[in-house]
Protein backbone atom coordinates (compact mmCIF):
# COMPACT_ATOMS: atom_id res chain seq x y z
CA MET A 1 7.17 19.30 2.78
CA LEU A 2 5.82 21.04 5.59
CA GLN A 3 4.69 18.99 8.50
CA THR A 4 2.76 19.63 11.79
CA ARG A 5 3.63 17.16 14.81
CA PHE A 6 1.21 17.31 17.69
CA LYS A 7 2.58 16.11 21.28
CA ASN A 8 2.49 12.66 22.02
CA THR A 9 1.77 11.34 18.44
CA PRO A 10 4.17 8.92 17.43
CA THR A 11 6.08 9.45 13.94
CA PRO A 12 5.20 6.95 11.59
CA GLN A 13 9.04 5.44 11.72
CA PHE A 14 8.08 4.59 15.08
CA LEU A 15 5.19 2.75 14.28
CA ASP A 16 6.82 1.08 11.47
CA VAL A 17 9.19 -0.38 14.33
CA PHE A 18 6.29 -1.13 16.74
CA ASP A 19 4.47 -3.07 13.76
CA ASP A 20 7.67 -4.93 13.05
CA LEU A 21 8.29 -6.36 16.15
CA PHE A 22 4.88 -7.62 16.71
CA GLY A 23 4.26 -8.82 12.93
CA LYS A 24 1.14 -6.48 12.49
CA GLY A 25 -0.03 -4.82 9.74
CA ILE A 26 1.45 -3.56 6.23
CA ARG A 27 4.28 -1.22 6.21
CA ILE A 28 4.61 1.26 3.60
CA ASN A 29 8.20 1.55 2.64
CA GLU A 30 9.44 5.58 3.17
CA GLY A 31 11.90 5.46 0.69
CA TYR A 32 9.36 5.31 -1.78
CA THR A 33 6.65 7.98 -0.85
CA ASN A 34 5.86 10.21 -4.33
CA GLY A 35 3.02 8.94 -6.33
CA PRO A 36 -0.86 8.69 -5.25
CA ALA A 37 -2.18 8.61 -1.95
CA VAL A 38 -3.23 5.23 -0.26
CA ASN A 39 -5.68 3.75 2.58
CA ILE A 40 -4.44 0.69 4.06
CA ILE A 41 -7.99 -0.95 5.73
CA GLU A 42 -7.60 -4.26 8.56
CA THR A 43 -10.60 -6.36 8.88
CA ALA A 44 -10.25 -9.70 10.65
CA LYS A 45 -10.14 -11.71 7.22
CA GLU A 46 -8.21 -9.37 5.00
CA PHE A 47 -6.13 -5.93 4.18
CA LYS A 48 -7.10 -4.02 1.56
CA ILE A 49 -4.82 -0.95 -0.17
CA GLN A 50 -6.54 1.53 -2.19
CA VAL A 51 -4.48 3.55 -4.00
CA ALA A 52 -5.80 7.26 -5.56
CA ALA A 53 -5.12 7.08 -9.06
CA PRO A 54 -7.63 9.22 -11.46
CA GLY A 55 -6.88 9.24 -14.66
CA LEU A 56 -4.74 6.25 -15.26
CA GLU A 57 -6.03 2.95 -16.91
CA LYS A 58 -5.71 -1.07 -15.87
CA LYS A 59 -2.96 -1.42 -17.97
CA ASP A 60 -0.81 1.71 -16.66
CA PHE A 61 -0.28 -0.28 -13.08
CA ASN A 62 1.97 -2.96 -12.88
CA VAL A 63 2.08 -4.98 -9.28
CA GLU A 64 4.17 -7.17 -8.62
CA ILE A 65 5.21 -9.36 -5.19
CA GLU A 66 8.44 -10.53 -4.20
CA GLU A 67 9.50 -11.88 -0.48
CA ARG A 68 6.46 -10.10 0.88
CA LYS A 69 7.59 -6.88 -0.72
CA LEU A 70 4.47 -5.39 -2.85
CA THR A 71 5.34 -3.06 -5.61
CA ILE A 72 2.90 -1.04 -7.20
CA SER A 73 4.15 0.80 -9.76
CA SER A 74 3.26 2.91 -13.09
CA ASP A 75 5.16 4.92 -15.96
CA ALA A 76 2.29 6.84 -17.43
CA GLU A 77 1.82 10.34 -17.17
CA ILE A 78 -1.27 12.27 -16.64
CA GLY A 79 -1.38 16.02 -16.78
CA LYS A 80 1.37 16.46 -18.84
CA VAL A 81 2.66 20.25 -19.41
CA LEU A 82 1.45 20.80 -23.36
CA GLU A 83 3.54 23.76 -24.69
CA GLY A 84 1.98 26.93 -24.53
CA ASP A 85 0.25 26.05 -21.48
CA VAL A 86 0.47 28.89 -18.35
CA TYR A 87 -0.40 27.24 -15.29
CA ARG A 88 -0.67 29.74 -12.27
CA LYS A 89 -1.09 26.83 -10.35
CA ARG A 90 -0.51 22.94 -10.90
CA GLN A 91 -1.76 20.31 -8.16
CA PHE A 92 -3.35 17.98 -10.69
CA SER A 93 -1.12 15.10 -12.09
CA ILE A 94 0.12 12.18 -11.20
CA GLY A 95 3.49 11.00 -13.09
CA LYS A 96 5.53 7.73 -12.68
CA PHE A 97 5.54 6.39 -9.41
CA LYS A 98 6.47 3.46 -7.33
CA ARG A 99 5.10 2.20 -3.82
CA ILE A 100 6.02 -0.50 -1.93
CA PHE A 101 4.47 -2.24 0.98
CA THR A 102 6.07 -4.77 3.29
CA LEU A 103 3.16 -6.98 3.61
CA PRO A 104 2.64 -9.11 7.07
CA GLU A 105 3.99 -13.05 7.14
CA ARG A 106 0.29 -14.35 7.74
CA ILE A 107 -1.24 -13.85 4.37
CA ASP A 108 -2.20 -15.73 1.56
CA GLU A 109 -0.15 -14.29 -1.58
CA ASP A 110 -1.82 -16.55 -4.07
CA ALA A 111 -5.43 -15.15 -3.53
CA ILE A 112 -4.50 -11.19 -3.97
CA ILE A 113 -7.05 -9.37 -6.04
CA ALA A 114 -6.47 -6.43 -7.75
CA LYS A 115 -9.14 -4.01 -9.08
CA TYR A 116 -9.58 -0.67 -11.01
CA SER A 117 -12.52 1.13 -10.73
CA ARG A 118 -13.97 5.32 -10.73
CA GLY A 119 -9.53 6.10 -10.15
CA ILE A 120 -9.52 3.45 -7.44
CA LEU A 121 -7.09 0.58 -7.39
CA VAL A 122 -8.31 -2.04 -4.74
CA LEU A 123 -5.68 -4.43 -3.67
CA THR A 124 -7.18 -7.42 -1.65
CA ILE A 125 -4.87 -9.36 0.12
CA PRO A 126 -6.29 -12.56 2.30
CA LYS A 127 -4.67 -13.25 5.50
CA LEU A 128 -4.05 -16.99 6.35
CA GLU A 129 -6.14 -18.79 8.96
CA LYS A 130 -4.92 -18.48 12.56
CA VAL A 131 -2.46 -21.53 13.47
CA LYS A 132 -4.54 -23.74 15.48
CA ASP A 133 -3.54 -23.78 19.70
CA LEU A 134 -0.82 -26.52 20.72
CA LYS A 135 -2.54 -29.48 22.21
CA GLN A 136 -1.19 -31.27 24.72
CA ILE A 137 -1.42 -35.00 24.32
CA LYS A 138 -1.39 -37.25 27.15
CA ILE A 139 0.95 -40.44 27.05
CA ASN A 140 -0.01 -43.34 28.31
């Protein structure tokens, strides 16, 4: 794969290490990058993961979470080559894929919502409320 890097632009691996140190954000595990493109959005209350997978159906996805690892996978194949078809260029296909994301500690795993509409799978991952600041109690 051809990649263009610009001067003073941190590499994804550097950003992952930075996130690990400060416990921020959702990290994509780079060992599993085959498959559809994703967007990760963060707001004050939640994270959203958007997965572009047109042509699939809800039943084609498998979404699991274990030990802060969120796995989105599918065994469905879209755009299979049929016998007798001659392709001059072929970019339109989705095969089996597996994307793994490491989630931050302060999320509510039990409240994750997944919706699939118009070719986009959206996972909404709520953040847990911020821990209240420590209060000092005066001893009389």
